[in-house]
Amino acid sequence: MKIVVRGTNWVGDAVMQIPALRELRRIFPDANITLCTRSWAKGIFQDADFIDDILTIEPEESVFQQAKKWRKGKYDLAILFTNSFQTAFISKLGKVKERFGYANEGRSFLLTNPIEKPVWKDERHEIYYYLNLVAEIEKHYFGIT
């Protein structure tokens, strides 16, 4: 399985997604996991053992340029840690078969598997927000609750 994870845009947020990326590797030990991130966050992940590839995108790249990179990767599964409509649109244009992300910003129709934002979102650390998304994917694939 080929998985692309659209990581967050800022260095601090990128660090907070590391536990979720490690959990994703535990769930899918044999998958090829590509992290799609900004160039300024790339260095955090260069030697990470929980991802296989890094796909760098830049703010000046159009939605269509980014989607072309995703199509080239021929991914089976997209996991969107970002909450933007644009990211969901890119995953759809990128022809990723299954697309998981939180159902906000009016983007649910672009996701094959929209996940409701947890009621505790504003009360718990952001790390758990990313971990929750990965847990929902684990439930979907393996029926684990």
C-alpha atoms as a PDB file:
ATOM      1  CA  MET A   1       0.000   0.000   0.000  1.00  0.00           C
ATOM      2  CA  LYS A   2       1.184   3.515  -0.820  1.00  0.00           C
ATOM      3  CA  ILE A   3       0.214   6.152   1.721  1.00  0.00           C
ATOM      4  CA  VAL A   4       0.667   9.902   1.452  1.00  0.00           C
ATOM      5  CA  VAL A   5       0.346  12.020   4.571  1.00  0.00           C
ATOM      6  CA  ARG A   6      -0.225  15.734   4.077  1.00  0.00           C
ATOM      7  CA  GLY A   7       1.686  17.117   6.991  1.00  0.00           C
ATOM      8  CA  THR A   8       1.171  20.417   8.708  1.00  0.00           C
ATOM      9  CA  ASN A   9       2.718  23.624   7.417  1.00  0.00           C
ATOM     10  CA  TRP A  10       4.770  24.866  10.352  1.00  0.00           C
ATOM     11  CA  VAL A  11       7.773  23.429  12.165  1.00  0.00           C
ATOM     12  CA  GLY A  12       6.142  23.323  15.620  1.00  0.00           C
ATOM     13  CA  ASP A  13       3.047  21.611  14.236  1.00  0.00           C
ATOM     14  CA  ALA A  14       5.259  19.201  12.301  1.00  0.00           C
ATOM     15  CA  VAL A  15       6.921  18.098  15.535  1.00  0.00           C
ATOM     16  CA  MET A  16       3.486  17.497  17.095  1.00  0.00           C
ATOM     17  CA  GLN A  17       2.523  15.078  14.321  1.00  0.00           C
ATOM     18  CA  ILE A  18       5.491  12.745  14.980  1.00  0.00           C
ATOM     19  CA  PRO A  19       3.607  10.465  17.444  1.00  0.00           C
ATOM     20  CA  ALA A  20       0.810  10.007  14.884  1.00  0.00           C
ATOM     21  CA  LEU A  21       3.313   9.200  12.133  1.00  0.00           C
ATOM     22  CA  ARG A  22       4.968   6.618  14.381  1.00  0.00           C
ATOM     23  CA  GLU A  23       1.555   5.109  15.110  1.00  0.00           C
ATOM     24  CA  LEU A  24       0.766   5.019  11.402  1.00  0.00           C
ATOM     25  CA  ARG A  25       3.968   3.031  10.804  1.00  0.00           C
ATOM     26  CA  ARG A  26       2.982   0.604  13.571  1.00  0.00           C
ATOM     27  CA  ILE A  27      -0.405   0.059  11.936  1.00  0.00           C
ATOM     28  CA  PHE A  28       0.983  -0.257   8.407  1.00  0.00           C
ATOM     29  CA  PRO A  29       4.482  -1.733   8.870  1.00  0.00           C
ATOM     30  CA  ASP A  30       4.867  -2.756   5.224  1.00  0.00           C
ATOM     31  CA  ALA A  31       3.348   0.308   3.584  1.00  0.00           C
ATOM     32  CA  ASN A  32       5.324   2.903   1.688  1.00  0.00           C
ATOM     33  CA  ILE A  33       4.633   6.117   3.608  1.00  0.00           C
ATOM     34  CA  THR A  34       5.339   9.461   1.964  1.00  0.00           C
ATOM     35  CA  LEU A  35       5.142  12.664   3.973  1.00  0.00           C
ATOM     36  CA  CYS A  36       4.090  15.696   1.959  1.00  0.00           C
ATOM     37  CA  THR A  37       5.412  18.798   3.716  1.00  0.00           C
ATOM     38  CA  ARG A  38       6.921  22.241   3.253  1.00  0.00           C
ATOM     39  CA  SER A  39      10.665  22.535   2.655  1.00  0.00           C
ATOM     40  CA  TRP A  40      11.241  24.257   5.995  1.00  0.00           C
ATOM     41  CA  ALA A  41       9.872  21.207   7.858  1.00  0.00           C
ATOM     42  CA  LYS A  42      11.678  18.632   5.718  1.00  0.00           C
ATOM     43  CA  GLY A  43      14.790  18.516   7.911  1.00  0.00           C
ATOM     44  CA  ILE A  44      12.800  17.230  10.881  1.00  0.00           C
ATOM     45  CA  PHE A  45      11.933  14.069   8.962  1.00  0.00           C
ATOM     46  CA  GLN A  46      14.981  13.387   6.764  1.00  0.00           C
ATOM     47  CA  ASP A  47      16.317  10.577   8.945  1.00  0.00           C
ATOM     48  CA  ALA A  48      12.997   9.402  10.384  1.00  0.00           C
ATOM     49  CA  ASP A  49      12.511   5.644  10.398  1.00  0.00           C
ATOM     50  CA  PHE A  50       8.719   5.929  10.326  1.00  0.00           C
ATOM     51  CA  ILE A  51       8.449   7.405   6.810  1.00  0.00           C
ATOM     52  CA  ASP A  52       9.924   6.244   3.524  1.00  0.00           C
ATOM     53  CA  ASP A  53       9.840   9.352   1.351  1.00  0.00           C
ATOM     54  CA  ILE A  54       9.356  13.090   1.597  1.00  0.00           C
ATOM     55  CA  LEU A  55       7.418  15.017  -1.026  1.00  0.00           C
ATOM     56  CA  THR A  56       8.185  18.720  -0.731  1.00  0.00           C
ATOM     57  CA  ILE A  57       5.639  21.336  -1.734  1.00  0.00           C
ATOM     58  CA  GLU A  58       5.949  25.109  -1.695  1.00  0.00           C
ATOM     59  CA  PRO A  59       3.368  27.883  -1.203  1.00  0.00           C
ATOM     60  CA  GLU A  60       3.999  29.243  -4.700  1.00  0.00           C
ATOM     61  CA  GLU A  61       3.002  25.930  -6.307  1.00  0.00           C
ATOM     62  CA  SER A  62      -0.531  25.899  -7.651  1.00  0.00           C
ATOM     63  CA  VAL A  63      -3.146  23.383  -6.583  1.00  0.00           C
ATOM     64  CA  PHE A  64      -2.732  21.731  -9.979  1.00  0.00           C
ATOM     65  CA  GLN A  65       1.056  21.480  -9.674  1.00  0.00           C
ATOM     66  CA  GLN A  66       0.709  19.871  -6.258  1.00  0.00           C
ATOM     67  CA  ALA A  67      -2.007  17.475  -7.459  1.00  0.00           C
ATOM     68  CA  LYS A  68       0.236  16.427 -10.346  1.00  0.00           C
ATOM     69  CA  LYS A  69       2.892  15.362  -7.821  1.00  0.00           C
ATOM     70  CA  TRP A  70       0.260  13.313  -5.972  1.00  0.00           C
ATOM     71  CA  ARG A  71      -0.947  11.664  -9.192  1.00  0.00           C
ATOM     72  CA  LYS A  72       2.618  10.735 -10.046  1.00  0.00           C
ATOM     73  CA  GLY A  73       2.908   8.972  -6.662  1.00  0.00           C
ATOM     74  CA  LYS A  74      -0.131   6.751  -7.383  1.00  0.00           C
ATOM     75  CA  TYR A  75      -1.145   6.685  -3.723  1.00  0.00           C
ATOM     76  CA  ASP A  76      -3.790   4.331  -2.339  1.00  0.00           C
ATOM     77  CA  LEU A  77      -4.481   6.297   0.830  1.00  0.00           C
ATOM     78  CA  ALA A  78      -4.205   9.966   1.793  1.00  0.00           C
ATOM     79  CA  ILE A  79      -4.228  11.169   5.382  1.00  0.00           C
ATOM     80  CA  LEU A  80      -4.717  14.902   5.793  1.00  0.00           C
ATOM     81  CA  PHE A  81      -3.371  16.367   9.016  1.00  0.00           C
ATOM     82  CA  THR A  82      -4.125  19.828   7.645  1.00  0.00           C
ATOM     83  CA  ASN A  83      -7.687  21.097   7.907  1.00  0.00           C
ATOM     84  CA  SER A  84      -7.870  23.179   4.749  1.00  0.00           C
ATOM     85  CA  PHE A  85     -10.299  22.824   1.874  1.00  0.00           C
ATOM     86  CA  GLN A  86      -7.356  23.199  -0.508  1.00  0.00           C
ATOM     87  CA  THR A  87      -5.556  20.143   0.843  1.00  0.00           C
ATOM     88  CA  ALA A  88      -8.658  17.988   0.405  1.00  0.00           C
ATOM     89  CA  PHE A  89      -9.091  19.357  -3.120  1.00  0.00           C
ATOM     90  CA  ILE A  90      -5.484  18.471  -3.958  1.00  0.00           C
ATOM     91  CA  SER A  91      -5.964  14.916  -2.664  1.00  0.00           C
ATOM     92  CA  LYS A  92      -9.065  14.546  -4.858  1.00  0.00           C
ATOM     93  CA  LEU A  93      -7.346  16.006  -7.942  1.00  0.00           C
ATOM     94  CA  GLY A  94      -4.349  13.814  -7.120  1.00  0.00           C
ATOM     95  CA  LYS A  95      -6.573  10.765  -7.669  1.00  0.00           C
ATOM     96  CA  VAL A  96      -5.842   9.174  -4.317  1.00  0.00           C
ATOM     97  CA  LYS A  97      -8.276   6.274  -3.917  1.00  0.00           C
ATOM     98  CA  GLU A  98      -9.079   6.732  -0.211  1.00  0.00           C
ATOM     99  CA  ARG A  99      -8.902  10.131   1.476  1.00  0.00           C
ATOM    100  CA  PHE A 100      -9.162  10.556   5.259  1.00  0.00           C
ATOM    101  CA  GLY A 101      -9.321  13.882   7.031  1.00  0.00           C
ATOM    102  CA  TYR A 102     -11.409  15.861   9.447  1.00  0.00           C
ATOM    103  CA  ALA A 103     -14.817  16.978   8.180  1.00  0.00           C
ATOM    104  CA  ASN A 104     -14.397  20.721   8.427  1.00  0.00           C
ATOM    105  CA  GLU A 105     -13.949  23.728   6.143  1.00  0.00           C
ATOM    106  CA  GLY A 106     -16.778  22.381   3.949  1.00  0.00           C
ATOM    107  CA  ARG A 107     -14.513  19.708   2.518  1.00  0.00           C
ATOM    108  CA  SER A 108     -16.341  16.508   3.477  1.00  0.00           C
ATOM    109  CA  PHE A 109     -17.512  15.852  -0.076  1.00  0.00           C
ATOM    110  CA  LEU A 110     -13.879  15.733  -1.236  1.00  0.00           C
ATOM    111  CA  LEU A 111     -12.978  13.021   1.277  1.00  0.00           C
ATOM    112  CA  THR A 112     -13.930   9.378   0.867  1.00  0.00           C
ATOM    113  CA  ASN A 113     -13.773   9.013   4.648  1.00  0.00           C
ATOM    114  CA  PRO A 114     -14.532  12.291   6.437  1.00  0.00           C
ATOM    115  CA  ILE A 115     -13.952  12.063  10.190  1.00  0.00           C
ATOM    116  CA  GLU A 116     -15.932  14.217  12.601  1.00  0.00           C
ATOM    117  CA  LYS A 117     -13.844  16.624  14.641  1.00  0.00           C
ATOM    118  CA  PRO A 118     -13.575  15.277  18.210  1.00  0.00           C
ATOM    119  CA  VAL A 119     -15.695  17.092  20.796  1.00  0.00           C
ATOM    120  CA  TRP A 120     -12.571  17.422  22.961  1.00  0.00           C
ATOM    121  CA  LYS A 121     -10.539  19.158  20.205  1.00  0.00           C
ATOM    122  CA  ASP A 122     -10.108  22.447  22.075  1.00  0.00           C
ATOM    123  CA  GLU A 123      -9.513  20.799  25.453  1.00  0.00           C
ATOM    124  CA  ARG A 124      -6.661  18.394  24.682  1.00  0.00           C
ATOM    125  CA  HIS A 125      -3.222  18.791  23.187  1.00  0.00           C
ATOM    126  CA  GLU A 126      -2.954  18.915  19.391  1.00  0.00           C
ATOM    127  CA  ILE A 127      -0.905  15.699  19.412  1.00  0.00           C
ATOM    128  CA  TYR A 128      -4.085  13.790  20.301  1.00  0.00           C
ATOM    129  CA  TYR A 129      -5.946  15.384  17.389  1.00  0.00           C
ATOM    130  CA  TYR A 130      -3.495  13.802  14.929  1.00  0.00           C
ATOM    131  CA  LEU A 131      -3.414  10.519  16.854  1.00  0.00           C
ATOM    132  CA  ASN A 132      -7.218  10.385  16.783  1.00  0.00           C
ATOM    133  CA  LEU A 133      -7.248  10.615  12.993  1.00  0.00           C
ATOM    134  CA  VAL A 134      -4.815   7.699  12.751  1.00  0.00           C
ATOM    135  CA  ALA A 135      -6.926   5.708  15.248  1.00  0.00           C
ATOM    136  CA  GLU A 136      -9.993   6.243  13.042  1.00  0.00           C
ATOM    137  CA  ILE A 137      -8.047   4.882  10.076  1.00  0.00           C
ATOM    138  CA  GLU A 138      -7.020   1.845  12.115  1.00  0.00           C
ATOM    139  CA  LYS A 139     -10.695   1.231  12.968  1.00  0.00           C
ATOM    140  CA  HIS A 140     -11.637   1.501   9.310  1.00  0.00           C
ATOM    141  CA  TYR A 141      -9.021  -0.982   8.102  1.00  0.00           C
ATOM    142  CA  PHE A 142      -8.853  -3.401  11.000  1.00  0.00           C
ATOM    143  CA  GLY A 143     -12.067  -2.907  12.985  1.00  0.00           C
ATOM    144  CA  ILE A 144     -10.096  -2.068  16.107  1.00  0.00           C
ATOM    145  CA  THR A 145     -11.858   0.141  18.648  1.00  0.00           C
END
